[in-house]
Amino acid sequence: SKDLKGAMEILIEQKRQALSTVEKLDEHMDFASQLIFAQNRGDLTAENVNQCVLEMMIAAPDTLSVTLFFMLILIAEHPTVEEEMMREIETVVGKQELQR
């Protein structure tokens, strides 16, 4: 939709502005940053960048939900793995209350 494309363009421009002010780029080199730099080099158009980011935003919830579903099934089928994961969480988090 037009509104979604407009919002995406605004977010990409905000990302572009943020990248122009950072001192150490290696700490900020995510996929969207790579796309922006590819556009700056002339490898991609602004429309290419917008479309890639838009597709990532739209597709990610579906692929993430499927991945999490299978991960939870595998954990349920392997109780020793679940126990090891719980021990690891307790080691790292301790008795702190988990936050979202």
Protein backbone atom coordinates (compact mmCIF):
# COMPACT_ATOMS: atom_id res chain seq x y z
CA SER A 1 0.00 0.00 0.00
CA LYS A 2 1.01 3.60 -0.53
CA ASP A 3 1.01 4.45 3.18
CA LEU A 4 3.29 1.53 4.01
CA LYS A 5 5.73 2.50 1.25
CA GLY A 6 5.74 6.09 2.50
CA ALA A 7 6.41 4.99 6.07
CA MET A 8 9.21 2.71 4.87
CA GLU A 9 10.83 5.56 2.95
CA ILE A 10 10.76 7.69 6.09
CA LEU A 11 12.36 4.91 8.16
CA ILE A 12 15.08 4.34 5.56
CA GLU A 13 15.82 8.06 5.47
CA GLN A 14 16.07 8.12 9.27
CA LYS A 15 18.48 5.17 9.07
CA ARG A 16 20.49 6.99 6.40
CA GLN A 17 20.73 10.09 8.63
CA ALA A 18 21.77 7.98 11.63
CA LEU A 19 24.50 6.29 9.58
CA SER A 20 25.89 9.65 8.52
CA THR A 21 26.55 10.59 12.15
CA VAL A 22 28.08 7.39 13.57
CA GLU A 23 31.79 7.24 14.25
CA LYS A 24 32.31 3.46 14.07
CA LEU A 25 30.36 1.96 11.18
CA ASP A 26 31.21 -1.66 12.01
CA GLU A 27 28.86 -1.51 15.04
CA HIS A 28 25.96 -0.40 12.85
CA MET A 29 26.35 -2.59 9.77
CA ASP A 30 23.06 -4.44 9.62
CA PHE A 31 21.34 -5.51 6.41
CA ALA A 32 19.49 -2.21 5.94
CA SER A 33 22.80 -0.36 6.26
CA GLN A 34 24.38 -2.61 3.65
CA LEU A 35 21.50 -1.82 1.28
CA ILE A 36 21.90 1.92 1.86
CA PHE A 37 25.63 1.74 1.14
CA ALA A 38 24.94 -0.32 -1.99
CA GLN A 39 22.65 2.48 -3.15
CA ASN A 40 25.35 5.06 -2.35
CA ARG A 41 27.80 3.09 -4.53
CA GLY A 42 25.26 2.98 -7.35
CA ASP A 43 24.68 -0.79 -7.10
CA LEU A 44 21.00 -0.36 -6.15
CA THR A 45 18.35 2.27 -6.74
CA ALA A 46 16.35 3.90 -3.95
CA GLU A 47 13.37 1.83 -5.13
CA ASN A 48 15.44 -1.38 -4.81
CA VAL A 49 16.37 -0.48 -1.23
CA ASN A 50 12.79 0.43 -0.31
CA GLN A 51 11.46 -2.81 -1.82
CA CYS A 52 14.04 -5.00 -0.05
CA VAL A 53 13.37 -3.45 3.35
CA LEU A 54 9.62 -3.59 2.80
CA GLU A 55 9.79 -7.28 1.89
CA MET A 56 11.91 -8.01 4.96
CA MET A 57 9.36 -6.29 7.19
CA ILE A 58 6.42 -8.12 5.63
CA ALA A 59 8.02 -11.57 5.35
CA ALA A 60 9.83 -11.68 8.70
CA PRO A 61 6.80 -12.38 10.93
CA ASP A 62 5.80 -15.44 8.87
CA THR A 63 9.25 -16.99 8.71
CA LEU A 64 9.92 -16.17 12.35
CA SER A 65 6.68 -17.76 13.52
CA VAL A 66 7.37 -20.96 11.55
CA THR A 67 10.95 -21.13 12.85
CA LEU A 68 9.83 -20.61 16.46
CA PHE A 69 7.12 -23.24 16.08
CA PHE A 70 9.59 -25.88 14.91
CA MET A 71 12.13 -24.85 17.54
CA LEU A 72 9.53 -25.32 20.29
CA ILE A 73 8.50 -28.72 18.88
CA LEU A 74 12.14 -29.85 18.82
CA ILE A 75 12.66 -28.66 22.40
CA ALA A 76 9.52 -30.50 23.51
CA GLU A 77 10.77 -33.70 21.83
CA HIS A 78 14.18 -33.46 23.55
CA PRO A 79 13.69 -32.87 27.30
CA THR A 80 17.42 -33.04 28.05
CA VAL A 81 18.00 -30.12 25.68
CA GLU A 82 15.22 -28.21 27.42
CA GLU A 83 16.84 -28.86 30.81
CA GLU A 84 20.21 -27.66 29.51
CA MET A 85 18.61 -24.51 28.11
CA MET A 86 16.89 -23.80 31.43
CA ARG A 87 20.19 -24.24 33.30
CA GLU A 88 21.90 -21.85 30.89
CA ILE A 89 19.14 -19.26 31.33
CA GLU A 90 19.38 -19.54 35.12
CA THR A 91 23.17 -19.19 34.92
CA VAL A 92 22.98 -16.04 32.82
CA VAL A 93 19.87 -14.42 34.27
CA GLY A 94 20.05 -15.73 37.84
CA LYS A 95 17.05 -14.91 39.96
CA GLN A 96 16.28 -11.67 38.12
CA GLU A 97 12.78 -11.25 36.86
CA LEU A 98 12.64 -11.58 33.08
CA GLN A 99 11.58 -8.51 31.11
CA ARG A 100 9.93 -8.28 27.71
